[in-house]
Amino acid sequence: MTPESHSQTPDRPAGDSTRPGPPPGCPAHGLGPGGLARLHESDDLKSLYEQLREKHGPVAPVLVHDDLPLWIVLGHAESQQLVRSPAQFTKDSRIWSPLRDGLVKPDHPLMPHIAWQPMCAHTEGENHHRWRGAIDTAVAATDFRSLRRYVNRSVQRVVNRFCEVGEAELVSQYAEHLPMAVMCHVLGMPDEYDDRMVQAARDMIRGTETAIASNAYVMEALNRLTVRRRKEPQDDFTGHLVSHPAGLSDEEVSQHLRVVLIAAYEATANLLANVLRQVLIDPRFRSQLNGGQMTVPQAVEQLLWDEPPFSTIFAYYAKQDTELGGQRIRKGDGLLFAPAPANVDPRVRPDPTADMQGNRSHLAFGGGTHECPGQDIGRVIAEVGVDALLMRLPDVELSCDEEELTFTESIASRHLVSLPVHFTPRPQQEITQAPSHEVDTKPPAAYDWQIGGVPRQTPAPAPAAVGASVGGADTGVGGVPDAGPVPAAVPVPPPAQPEPPKGAWQRFLRWWRGY
């Protein structure tokens, strides 16, 4: 960044370590050298983003931990320019000036995000094409109809854990479990899904003192999976990575599996929690869903505008001196791609509360060559996860006031802490049954094997002979019962007409949902 606006000079005289800093709420609180805002000290990033936009425009100078300078891109058009200009900006952090100058400590809190690694998320050119090509091939091989069926069955398993109680906490018991169950299946290790894997993923993302041990736990599982797929190839995500013509090594496979698992898990868990929260706190939102004015996929897209799973994405770096959003960007400067403020850029969204149905130009999944490759998998998990939960628990309600809901906020994301709910207790359901709030005790009817088939008619048993008696009375010659005079034929009522087959649209929806 420009030295004129990003001096590394301390903001207090040397040796004056006792001078107290400004208290929270003071206008100077959270400001560093040059009067720049420290993102990591903000209690309200949404408000800070708007203050920065008003003061600096669509690209603003900020500080992160240890007062390292960065630019944050707040504008929608500027964000698109950032991710779509590989000749000017790269994801390779090795050119970042503070890193080259030795200003970034090895234990810097953002080092896990910033440190260069040999994977597609940090590279450009031939290496990126090789690694990203393998990832894209694995994603393209996904059978989305089968995936929807598996998500439905995973919903049944997860909801069965608490449906009989009548209350639940939908973040820790649902939104954090469903994506992990599905992603373990997608990668090819469904047996590895358990509470420990969920806890390890959460621990890694939160960056706690045990994050390193949790990362080791996850990597052990992924290393076992990679070795197993070398010996036993299968048609799953890992199998496609292992067998891709790019010839990825075991380490390359396992490291990319880690990125896919954790990124998809965190993004989808946040998205799922945010959509459920909106359904529960906004009666109009819920009535639109129930009334058919809005589909669940449309609800998901709306939340991708309003609450993107990642507030910012680390990071891009200038490959040459350039200009972006009216700011002079120096070679080696770092820039934060920020979907949260860019999605509410007044130039593209004058009313931030406006309905964005049908508009997919949000930046929740990034863009350009580094756009999230698994976004459609995340959408399926969120869409089916919301739809199936509301089918199982149609009367689910929030158990606290909206104002009591809290978030943990970091530069990277805004995570809902809890979502307590209550509902009418309901029995468990078979995982192969389509999620429903109705208890079906009837045995399934036998259907003819054809689209729109109707139940087969079971032939009625032959009526007993009129006049037959019990105990052998009134027997005729040879012991055959004497029927006596034959009465007039009793008219047999016509068989009940079968229920007409469902319409084409209903049959399609049932097929699409995997049932």
Protein backbone atom coordinates (compact mmCIF):
# COMPACT_ATOMS: atom_id res chain seq x y z
CA MET A 1 0.00 0.00 0.00
CA THR A 2 1.05 3.56 -0.39
CA PRO A 3 3.47 4.62 2.30
CA GLU A 4 1.80 8.03 2.48
CA SER A 5 -1.37 6.55 3.93
CA HIS A 6 0.02 3.42 5.61
CA SER A 7 2.87 4.47 7.82
CA GLN A 8 4.12 1.77 10.18
CA THR A 9 4.95 4.48 12.76
CA PRO A 10 3.40 3.72 16.18
CA ASP A 11 0.46 5.87 17.19
CA ARG A 12 2.06 6.70 20.58
CA PRO A 13 5.59 7.69 21.63
CA ALA A 14 8.11 4.91 22.17
CA GLY A 15 8.12 3.63 25.70
CA ASP A 16 4.68 5.09 26.47
CA SER A 17 3.15 1.70 27.14
CA THR A 18 1.06 2.92 30.06
CA ARG A 19 -1.05 5.40 28.14
CA PRO A 20 -4.57 3.93 28.01
CA GLY A 21 -6.22 3.47 24.66
CA PRO A 22 -9.58 5.02 23.84
CA PRO A 23 -12.56 3.27 25.44
CA PRO A 24 -15.12 1.34 23.38
CA GLY A 25 -17.66 3.68 21.86
CA CYS A 26 -15.16 6.50 21.49
CA PRO A 27 -14.76 7.65 17.86
CA ALA A 28 -11.04 6.88 18.10
CA HIS A 29 -11.59 3.33 19.33
CA GLY A 30 -10.40 0.74 16.82
CA LEU A 31 -8.17 3.17 14.94
CA GLY A 32 -4.51 2.50 14.25
CA PRO A 33 -1.63 4.30 12.54
CA GLY A 34 -2.78 6.98 10.14
CA GLY A 35 -6.25 6.90 11.68
CA LEU A 36 -7.08 3.68 9.83
CA ALA A 37 -9.74 1.30 11.12
CA ARG A 38 -8.66 -2.00 12.68
CA LEU A 39 -11.10 -4.53 11.24
CA HIS A 40 -10.39 -7.14 13.90
CA GLU A 41 -11.35 -4.74 16.72
CA SER A 42 -14.74 -3.71 15.34
CA ASP A 43 -17.86 -4.69 17.26
CA ASP A 44 -20.11 -3.90 14.30
CA LEU A 45 -18.51 -4.63 10.94
CA LYS A 46 -21.65 -3.81 8.96
CA SER A 47 -21.66 -0.25 10.28
CA LEU A 48 -17.90 0.03 9.83
CA TYR A 49 -18.16 -1.02 6.19
CA GLU A 50 -20.67 1.76 5.52
CA GLN A 51 -18.48 4.31 7.30
CA LEU A 52 -15.51 3.24 5.19
CA ARG A 53 -17.61 3.41 2.02
CA GLU A 54 -18.74 6.95 2.86
CA LYS A 55 -15.20 8.11 3.67
CA HIS A 56 -13.10 6.31 1.06
CA GLY A 57 -15.45 5.06 -1.65
CA PRO A 58 -15.63 1.50 -3.03
CA VAL A 59 -12.06 0.58 -1.99
CA ALA A 60 -10.86 1.51 1.51
CA PRO A 61 -7.56 1.20 3.44
CA VAL A 62 -7.77 -0.78 6.71
CA LEU A 63 -5.57 -2.59 9.21
CA VAL A 64 -5.64 -6.16 10.51
CA HIS A 65 -3.81 -7.82 13.42
CA ASP A 66 -0.38 -6.32 14.20
CA ASP A 67 -1.48 -3.25 12.21
CA LEU A 68 -0.76 -4.89 8.89
CA PRO A 69 -2.22 -2.79 6.05
CA LEU A 70 -4.76 -4.11 3.54
CA TRP A 71 -7.34 -2.72 1.18
CA ILE A 72 -10.95 -3.87 1.55
CA VAL A 73 -13.02 -3.87 -1.63
CA LEU A 74 -16.54 -2.64 -0.78
CA GLY A 75 -17.93 -2.05 -4.27
CA HIS A 76 -19.78 -4.67 -6.30
CA ALA A 77 -18.22 -3.70 -9.66
CA GLU A 78 -14.77 -3.33 -8.12
CA SER A 79 -15.07 -6.78 -6.53
CA GLN A 80 -15.87 -8.28 -9.91
CA GLN A 81 -12.90 -6.46 -11.43
CA LEU A 82 -10.67 -7.82 -8.65
CA VAL A 83 -11.56 -11.48 -9.19
CA ARG A 84 -11.70 -11.28 -12.97
CA SER A 85 -8.32 -9.64 -13.59
CA PRO A 86 -5.72 -12.40 -13.14
CA ALA A 87 -3.15 -10.31 -15.00
CA GLN A 88 -3.35 -7.68 -12.25
CA PHE A 89 -4.29 -9.61 -9.07
CA THR A 90 -3.27 -13.02 -7.76
CA LYS A 91 -4.04 -15.29 -4.80
CA ASP A 92 -0.34 -16.09 -4.33
CA SER A 93 0.50 -14.47 -0.98
CA ARG A 94 4.26 -14.82 -1.50
CA ILE A 95 4.28 -11.44 -3.24
CA TRP A 96 2.54 -9.65 -0.31
CA SER A 97 4.84 -6.82 0.76
CA PRO A 98 4.47 -7.21 4.57
CA LEU A 99 5.26 -10.92 4.22
CA ARG A 100 8.33 -10.28 2.08
CA ASP A 101 9.46 -7.57 4.49
CA GLY A 102 9.25 -9.93 7.48
CA LEU A 103 6.40 -8.06 9.19
CA VAL A 104 4.09 -11.09 9.38
CA LYS A 105 4.85 -13.27 12.39
CA PRO A 106 4.62 -17.06 11.98
CA ASP A 107 1.86 -17.18 14.61
CA HIS A 108 -0.15 -14.33 13.09
CA PRO A 109 -3.90 -15.08 13.60
CA LEU A 110 -4.57 -14.82 9.86
CA MET A 111 -1.62 -16.97 8.81
CA PRO A 112 -3.82 -20.08 8.20
CA HIS A 113 -5.75 -18.01 5.64
CA ILE A 114 -2.79 -16.14 4.19
CA ALA A 115 0.08 -18.65 4.13
CA TRP A 116 0.76 -19.97 0.66
CA GLN A 117 0.01 -23.65 0.13
CA PRO A 118 0.43 -25.86 -2.95
CA MET A 119 -3.24 -25.96 -3.89
CA CYS A 120 -5.57 -24.36 -6.40
CA ALA A 121 -6.86 -21.71 -3.95
CA HIS A 122 -3.37 -20.11 -3.78
CA THR A 123 -2.08 -20.50 -7.31
CA GLU A 124 -2.48 -19.18 -10.82
CA GLY A 125 -1.48 -20.39 -14.27
CA GLU A 126 -0.58 -23.99 -15.06
CA ASN A 127 -0.63 -25.30 -11.50
CA HIS A 128 -4.03 -23.74 -10.87
CA HIS A 129 -5.36 -25.21 -14.12
CA ARG A 130 -4.09 -28.67 -13.14
CA TRP A 131 -5.47 -28.72 -9.61
CA ARG A 132 -8.69 -26.85 -10.33
CA GLY A 133 -9.35 -29.10 -13.32
CA ALA A 134 -9.29 -32.15 -11.04
CA ILE A 135 -11.69 -30.47 -8.58
CA ASP A 136 -14.09 -29.39 -11.35
CA THR A 137 -14.10 -32.91 -12.81
CA ALA A 138 -14.97 -34.40 -9.42
CA VAL A 139 -17.79 -31.88 -8.91
CA ALA A 140 -19.14 -32.43 -12.45
CA ALA A 141 -19.44 -36.15 -11.74
CA THR A 142 -21.88 -35.50 -8.89
CA ASP A 143 -25.29 -37.12 -9.37
CA PHE A 144 -27.49 -34.35 -7.98
CA ARG A 145 -30.64 -36.46 -7.89
CA SER A 146 -28.87 -39.04 -5.73
CA LEU A 147 -27.40 -36.19 -3.68
CA ARG A 148 -30.87 -34.80 -2.97
CA ARG A 149 -32.03 -38.24 -1.90
CA TYR A 150 -29.06 -38.56 0.47
CA VAL A 151 -29.69 -35.09 1.93
CA ASN A 152 -33.31 -36.06 2.59
CA ARG A 153 -32.20 -39.22 4.35
CA SER A 154 -29.59 -37.31 6.33
CA VAL A 155 -32.29 -34.87 7.43
CA GLN A 156 -34.33 -37.82 8.66
CA ARG A 157 -31.39 -39.16 10.67
CA VAL A 158 -30.54 -35.80 12.22
CA VAL A 159 -34.14 -34.79 13.00
CA ASN A 160 -34.85 -38.23 14.49
CA ARG A 161 -32.42 -37.33 17.24
CA PHE A 162 -34.65 -34.59 18.65
CA CYS A 163 -38.10 -34.80 17.00
CA GLU A 164 -39.69 -36.63 19.96
CA VAL A 165 -38.50 -34.06 22.50
CA GLY A 166 -40.45 -31.09 21.17
CA GLU A 167 -37.55 -28.66 21.34
CA ALA A 168 -34.11 -28.27 19.79
CA GLU A 169 -31.25 -25.88 19.13
CA LEU A 170 -31.06 -25.77 15.35
CA VAL A 171 -27.50 -24.47 14.99
CA SER A 172 -25.59 -27.08 17.00
CA GLN A 173 -28.10 -29.91 16.54
CA TYR A 174 -29.01 -29.37 12.89
CA ALA A 175 -27.21 -26.71 10.81
CA GLU A 176 -23.75 -27.83 11.98
CA HIS A 177 -24.49 -31.55 11.57
CA LEU A 178 -26.37 -31.89 8.28
CA PRO A 179 -23.63 -30.38 6.03
CA MET A 180 -20.94 -32.56 7.63
CA ALA A 181 -23.01 -35.72 7.19
CA VAL A 182 -23.58 -34.93 3.52
CA MET A 183 -20.03 -33.78 2.76
CA CYS A 184 -18.54 -36.93 4.32
CA HIS A 185 -20.80 -38.91 1.98
CA VAL A 186 -19.84 -36.79 -1.05
CA LEU A 187 -16.13 -37.27 -0.39
CA GLY A 188 -16.61 -41.01 0.09
CA MET A 189 -16.23 -41.45 3.86
CA PRO A 190 -19.76 -41.55 5.32
CA ASP A 191 -18.57 -43.66 8.27
CA GLU A 192 -16.28 -40.82 9.41
CA TYR A 193 -19.25 -38.54 10.12
CA ASP A 194 -19.86 -38.25 13.85
CA ASP A 195 -19.96 -35.65 16.62
CA ARG A 196 -16.16 -35.64 16.82
CA MET A 197 -15.76 -34.71 13.14
CA VAL A 198 -18.27 -31.86 13.52
CA GLN A 199 -16.48 -30.57 16.62
CA ALA A 200 -13.08 -30.77 14.90
CA ALA A 201 -14.32 -28.76 11.92
CA ARG A 202 -15.84 -26.09 14.17
CA ASP A 203 -12.66 -25.98 16.23
CA MET A 204 -10.47 -25.47 13.15
CA ILE A 205 -12.63 -22.64 11.84
CA ARG A 206 -12.78 -20.84 15.19
CA GLY A 207 -9.01 -20.98 15.57
CA THR A 208 -9.01 -22.14 19.20
CA GLU A 209 -6.01 -23.41 21.18
CA THR A 210 -6.86 -26.95 20.08
CA ALA A 211 -7.29 -26.07 16.39
CA ILE A 212 -3.98 -27.73 15.45
CA ALA A 213 -5.02 -31.02 17.06
CA SER A 214 -8.42 -30.80 15.38
CA ASN A 215 -6.77 -30.21 12.02
CA ALA A 216 -4.61 -33.30 12.60
CA TYR A 217 -7.75 -35.35 13.37
CA VAL A 218 -9.41 -34.28 10.13
CA MET A 219 -6.26 -34.83 8.08
CA GLU A 220 -5.82 -38.34 9.47
CA ALA A 221 -9.30 -39.23 8.23
CA LEU A 222 -8.63 -37.69 4.81
CA ASN A 223 -5.24 -39.41 4.50
CA ARG A 224 -6.86 -42.77 5.27
CA LEU A 225 -9.51 -42.05 2.64
CA THR A 226 -6.91 -41.15 0.00
CA VAL A 227 -4.89 -44.33 0.60
CA ARG A 228 -8.06 -46.42 0.54
CA ARG A 229 -9.17 -44.93 -2.80
CA ARG A 230 -5.79 -45.76 -4.35
CA LYS A 231 -6.42 -49.39 -3.47
CA GLU A 232 -10.20 -49.44 -3.95
CA PRO A 233 -11.30 -46.95 -6.65
CA GLN A 234 -14.91 -45.84 -6.38
CA ASP A 235 -17.21 -43.41 -8.16
CA ASP A 236 -17.10 -40.66 -5.55
CA PHE A 237 -15.41 -37.27 -5.18
CA THR A 238 -12.15 -38.68 -3.84
CA GLY A 239 -12.12 -41.44 -6.42
CA HIS A 240 -12.29 -38.87 -9.22
CA LEU A 241 -9.47 -36.82 -7.69
CA VAL A 242 -7.26 -39.89 -7.33
CA SER A 243 -7.88 -41.10 -10.88
CA HIS A 244 -7.73 -37.70 -12.63
CA PRO A 245 -5.23 -37.50 -15.52
CA ALA A 246 -3.49 -34.62 -13.71
CA GLY A 247 -1.89 -37.29 -11.53
CA LEU A 248 -2.32 -35.69 -8.10
CA SER A 249 -0.09 -37.07 -5.35
CA ASP A 250 -1.60 -38.41 -2.13
CA GLU A 251 -0.68 -35.20 -0.34
CA GLU A 252 -2.25 -33.06 -3.07
CA VAL A 253 -5.44 -35.13 -2.93
CA SER A 254 -5.76 -35.02 0.86
CA GLN A 255 -4.97 -31.29 1.09
CA HIS A 256 -7.57 -30.44 -1.53
CA LEU A 257 -10.08 -32.68 0.21
CA ARG A 258 -9.45 -30.69 3.38
CA VAL A 259 -10.14 -27.39 1.63
CA VAL A 260 -13.31 -28.74 0.01
CA LEU A 261 -14.60 -30.30 3.23
CA ILE A 262 -13.99 -27.35 5.54
CA ALA A 263 -14.95 -24.58 3.10
CA ALA A 264 -18.15 -26.35 2.00
CA TYR A 265 -19.01 -27.26 5.59
CA GLU A 266 -18.58 -23.75 7.02
CA ALA A 267 -20.33 -22.02 4.11
CA THR A 268 -23.29 -24.40 4.11
CA ALA A 269 -23.68 -24.47 7.90
CA ASN A 270 -23.80 -20.66 7.97
CA LEU A 271 -26.18 -20.50 5.02
CA LEU A 272 -28.53 -23.12 6.46
CA ALA A 273 -28.63 -21.40 9.87
CA ASN A 274 -29.27 -18.00 8.28
CA VAL A 275 -32.16 -19.22 6.14
CA LEU A 276 -33.80 -21.00 9.08
CA ARG A 277 -33.38 -17.90 11.23
CA GLN A 278 -35.06 -15.75 8.57
CA VAL A 279 -37.94 -18.22 8.26
CA LEU A 280 -38.48 -18.14 12.03
CA ILE A 281 -38.18 -14.40 12.67
CA ASP A 282 -39.97 -13.00 9.62
CA PRO A 283 -43.65 -14.02 9.28
CA ARG A 284 -43.83 -12.49 5.80
CA PHE A 285 -40.86 -14.55 4.65
CA ARG A 286 -42.43 -17.72 6.00
CA SER A 287 -45.86 -16.94 4.58
CA GLN A 288 -44.31 -16.42 1.15
CA LEU A 289 -42.80 -19.89 1.40
CA ASN A 290 -45.99 -21.49 2.69
CA GLY A 291 -48.12 -19.65 0.16
CA GLY A 292 -45.98 -20.54 -2.81
CA GLN A 293 -44.97 -16.96 -3.67
CA MET A 294 -41.36 -17.95 -2.93
CA THR A 295 -39.64 -21.29 -3.39
CA VAL A 296 -36.96 -22.58 -1.03
CA PRO A 297 -34.24 -22.10 -3.69
CA GLN A 298 -35.35 -18.46 -4.02
CA ALA A 299 -35.20 -18.08 -0.24
CA VAL A 300 -31.66 -19.44 -0.27
CA GLU A 301 -30.59 -16.98 -2.99
CA GLN A 302 -32.11 -14.10 -1.02
CA LEU A 303 -30.02 -15.02 2.03
CA LEU A 304 -26.91 -15.33 -0.14
CA TRP A 305 -27.47 -11.63 -0.85
CA ASP A 306 -28.31 -10.63 2.71
CA GLU A 307 -26.03 -12.89 4.78
CA PRO A 308 -23.28 -14.43 2.61
CA PRO A 309 -21.59 -17.36 4.39
CA PHE A 310 -18.22 -15.59 4.29
CA SER A 311 -18.08 -11.84 4.99
CA THR A 312 -14.61 -11.55 3.45
CA ILE A 313 -12.29 -13.94 1.64
CA PHE A 314 -8.51 -13.80 2.09
CA ALA A 315 -6.94 -12.46 -0.04
CA TYR A 316 -5.78 -11.09 -3.39
CA TYR A 317 -2.45 -9.39 -4.07
CA ALA A 318 -1.47 -6.80 -6.67
CA LYS A 319 0.99 -8.13 -9.26
CA GLN A 320 1.78 -4.63 -10.50
CA ASP A 321 1.03 -0.98 -9.77
CA THR A 322 -2.57 -0.37 -10.75
CA GLU A 323 -5.77 1.47 -9.87
CA LEU A 324 -8.99 0.12 -8.37
CA GLY A 325 -12.01 2.09 -7.26
CA GLY A 326 -10.14 5.39 -7.49
CA GLN A 327 -7.34 4.18 -5.22
CA ARG A 328 -3.69 3.82 -6.16
CA ILE A 329 -2.74 0.19 -5.58
CA ARG A 330 0.96 -0.64 -5.32
CA LYS A 331 2.60 -3.88 -6.40
CA GLY A 332 2.54 -6.27 -3.43
CA ASP A 333 -0.50 -4.69 -1.75
CA GLY A 334 -3.09 -7.06 -0.28
CA LEU A 335 -6.81 -6.73 -0.96
CA LEU A 336 -9.75 -8.32 0.85
CA PHE A 337 -12.56 -9.62 -1.35
CA ALA A 338 -15.65 -8.77 0.73
CA PRO A 339 -19.02 -10.22 -0.37
CA ALA A 340 -20.94 -8.84 2.63
CA PRO A 341 -20.48 -5.11 1.91
CA ALA A 342 -20.30 -5.59 -1.88
CA ASN A 343 -23.73 -7.27 -1.89
CA VAL A 344 -25.27 -4.09 -0.42
CA ASP A 345 -23.38 -1.63 -2.63
CA PRO A 346 -25.91 1.23 -3.07
CA ARG A 347 -25.05 1.45 -6.75
CA VAL A 348 -26.51 -2.01 -7.41
CA ARG A 349 -28.87 -2.26 -4.44
CA PRO A 350 -30.18 1.16 -3.36
CA ASP A 351 -32.60 -0.50 -0.95
CA PRO A 352 -30.70 -3.18 1.03
CA THR A 353 -34.02 -4.72 2.11
CA ALA A 354 -35.21 -5.15 -1.49
CA ASP A 355 -36.35 -8.55 -2.69
CA MET A 356 -33.63 -10.01 -4.93
CA GLN A 357 -35.57 -13.03 -6.24
CA GLY A 358 -34.34 -14.24 -9.60
CA ASN A 359 -31.05 -12.31 -9.31
CA ARG A 360 -27.91 -14.44 -8.90
CA SER A 361 -25.35 -11.68 -9.32
CA HIS A 362 -24.42 -11.75 -5.62
CA LEU A 363 -20.81 -12.42 -4.71
CA ALA A 364 -21.39 -15.01 -2.00
CA PHE A 365 -19.41 -17.67 -3.87
CA GLY A 366 -16.69 -15.39 -5.23
CA GLY A 367 -16.03 -15.15 -8.93
CA GLY A 368 -13.50 -15.47 -11.69
CA THR A 369 -11.07 -18.39 -11.80
CA HIS A 370 -11.37 -18.90 -8.02
CA GLU A 371 -15.16 -19.02 -7.86
CA CYS A 372 -16.35 -21.69 -5.43
CA PRO A 373 -16.48 -24.97 -7.42
CA GLY A 374 -18.91 -26.69 -5.02
CA GLN A 375 -21.53 -23.97 -4.75
CA ASP A 376 -24.26 -26.12 -6.30
CA ILE A 377 -23.61 -28.84 -3.74
CA GLY A 378 -23.99 -26.24 -0.99
CA ARG A 379 -27.20 -24.97 -2.52
CA VAL A 380 -28.68 -28.48 -2.59
CA ILE A 381 -27.82 -29.11 1.07
CA ALA A 382 -29.34 -25.78 2.14
CA GLU A 383 -32.45 -26.04 -0.06
CA VAL A 384 -33.33 -29.61 0.86
CA GLY A 385 -32.26 -29.03 4.47
CA VAL A 386 -34.75 -26.19 4.92
CA ASP A 387 -37.56 -27.81 2.93
CA ALA A 388 -37.30 -31.20 4.64
CA LEU A 389 -37.06 -29.74 8.15
CA LEU A 390 -40.22 -27.68 7.63
CA MET A 391 -41.95 -30.80 6.29
CA ARG A 392 -41.02 -32.74 9.43
CA LEU A 393 -41.75 -29.91 11.88
CA PRO A 394 -44.34 -27.62 10.23
CA ASP A 395 -45.20 -25.79 13.47
CA VAL A 396 -41.62 -25.05 14.53
CA GLU A 397 -41.33 -21.71 16.34
CA LEU A 398 -38.55 -19.64 17.85
CA SER A 399 -38.24 -20.12 21.61
CA CYS A 400 -36.81 -16.66 22.35
CA ASP A 401 -37.16 -13.09 21.16
CA GLU A 402 -35.36 -12.19 17.96
CA GLU A 403 -33.27 -9.65 19.90
CA GLU A 404 -31.84 -12.45 22.06
CA LEU A 405 -30.19 -14.18 19.09
CA THR A 406 -26.46 -13.53 19.03
CA PHE A 407 -23.63 -13.90 16.53
CA THR A 408 -19.92 -14.50 16.77
CA GLU A 409 -18.33 -12.14 14.28
CA SER A 410 -14.88 -12.17 12.76
CA ILE A 411 -13.36 -10.56 9.70
CA ALA A 412 -14.08 -13.74 7.75
CA SER A 413 -17.63 -14.62 8.78
CA ARG A 414 -20.66 -13.94 10.95
CA HIS A 415 -21.86 -17.10 12.66
CA LEU A 416 -25.21 -17.50 14.43
CA VAL A 417 -24.52 -18.81 17.95
CA SER A 418 -27.81 -20.59 18.59
CA LEU A 419 -31.37 -20.92 17.30
CA PRO A 420 -33.61 -22.42 20.04
CA VAL A 421 -36.99 -23.68 18.82
CA HIS A 422 -40.00 -25.63 20.00
CA PHE A 423 -42.58 -27.71 18.12
CA THR A 424 -45.13 -30.46 18.57
CA PRO A 425 -43.25 -33.66 19.47
CA ARG A 426 -43.39 -36.13 16.60
CA PRO A 427 -42.33 -39.76 16.19
CA GLN A 428 -39.20 -40.78 14.35
CA GLN A 429 -39.46 -41.69 10.67
CA GLU A 430 -37.75 -44.22 8.47
CA ILE A 431 -34.83 -42.59 6.71
CA THR A 432 -36.02 -43.93 3.34
CA GLN A 433 -39.39 -42.23 3.79
CA ALA A 434 -39.91 -38.80 2.28
CA PRO A 435 -39.84 -36.24 5.15
CA SER A 436 -43.39 -35.55 6.29
CA HIS A 437 -45.25 -34.32 9.36
CA GLU A 438 -47.92 -36.98 8.84
CA VAL A 439 -47.69 -40.40 10.48
CA ASP A 440 -48.40 -43.00 7.81
CA THR A 441 -49.39 -46.35 9.31
CA LYS A 442 -50.74 -47.86 6.07
CA PRO A 443 -48.59 -50.38 4.22
CA PRO A 444 -47.36 -49.07 0.88
CA ALA A 445 -49.52 -49.98 -2.08
CA ALA A 446 -48.09 -52.13 -4.86
CA TYR A 447 -47.61 -50.03 -7.98
CA ASP A 448 -47.32 -51.12 -11.56
CA TRP A 449 -43.81 -50.41 -12.89
CA GLN A 450 -44.60 -47.43 -15.04
CA ILE A 451 -44.52 -43.67 -14.71
CA GLY A 452 -47.70 -42.56 -13.02
CA GLY A 453 -48.59 -46.15 -12.24
CA VAL A 454 -51.67 -46.85 -10.08
CA PRO A 455 -52.10 -49.46 -7.34
CA ARG A 456 -52.80 -52.93 -8.60
CA GLN A 457 -56.31 -54.21 -7.87
CA THR A 458 -56.30 -57.32 -5.70
CA PRO A 459 -58.91 -59.84 -6.94
CA ALA A 460 -61.78 -60.27 -4.50
CA PRO A 461 -62.18 -63.81 -3.05
CA ALA A 462 -64.94 -65.97 -4.51
CA PRO A 463 -68.17 -65.65 -2.47
CA ALA A 464 -69.16 -68.64 -0.36
CA ALA A 465 -72.07 -70.78 -1.63
CA VAL A 466 -75.39 -69.49 -0.43
CA GLY A 467 -77.05 -71.88 2.01
CA ALA A 468 -73.88 -73.51 3.30
CA SER A 469 -74.02 -74.10 7.00
CA VAL A 470 -71.59 -74.60 9.79
CA GLY A 471 -71.02 -78.00 11.44
CA GLY A 472 -71.95 -80.18 8.46
CA ALA A 473 -75.76 -79.70 8.68
CA ASP A 474 -77.96 -79.81 5.62
CA THR A 475 -75.57 -82.02 3.68
CA GLY A 476 -76.70 -83.64 0.50
CA VAL A 477 -75.64 -86.77 -1.37
CA GLY A 478 -72.00 -87.69 -0.86
CA GLY A 479 -71.68 -85.22 2.01
CA VAL A 480 -71.86 -82.23 -0.28
CA PRO A 481 -73.85 -79.42 1.29
CA ASP A 482 -77.27 -79.05 -0.13
CA ALA A 483 -77.47 -75.50 -1.38
CA GLY A 484 -81.21 -75.71 -1.71
CA PRO A 485 -83.01 -73.51 -4.17
CA VAL A 486 -80.71 -71.16 -6.06
CA PRO A 487 -81.64 -67.57 -5.25
CA ALA A 488 -81.46 -64.74 -7.67
CA ALA A 489 -77.92 -63.52 -8.40
CA VAL A 490 -76.75 -60.89 -5.96
CA PRO A 491 -75.37 -57.89 -7.84
CA VAL A 492 -71.65 -57.36 -7.15
CA PRO A 493 -70.75 -53.71 -6.60
CA PRO A 494 -68.23 -52.39 -9.11
CA PRO A 495 -64.64 -52.13 -7.84
CA ALA A 496 -63.64 -48.77 -6.41
CA GLN A 497 -62.04 -46.57 -9.01
CA PRO A 498 -58.32 -46.07 -8.36
CA GLU A 499 -57.09 -42.61 -7.45
CA PRO A 500 -56.00 -40.85 -10.63
CA PRO A 501 -52.24 -40.57 -11.01
CA LYS A 502 -50.58 -37.37 -9.90
CA GLY A 503 -50.00 -34.68 -12.45
CA ALA A 504 -46.76 -34.40 -14.38
CA TRP A 505 -45.51 -31.53 -12.19
CA GLN A 506 -46.08 -33.47 -8.95
CA ARG A 507 -44.38 -36.54 -10.42
CA PHE A 508 -41.43 -34.40 -11.50
CA LEU A 509 -41.08 -32.82 -8.03
CA ARG A 510 -41.14 -36.23 -6.39
CA TRP A 511 -38.47 -37.49 -8.81
CA TRP A 512 -36.32 -34.38 -8.33
CA ARG A 513 -36.42 -34.73 -4.54
CA GLY A 514 -35.17 -38.28 -4.85
CA TYR A 515 -38.34 -40.23 -4.03
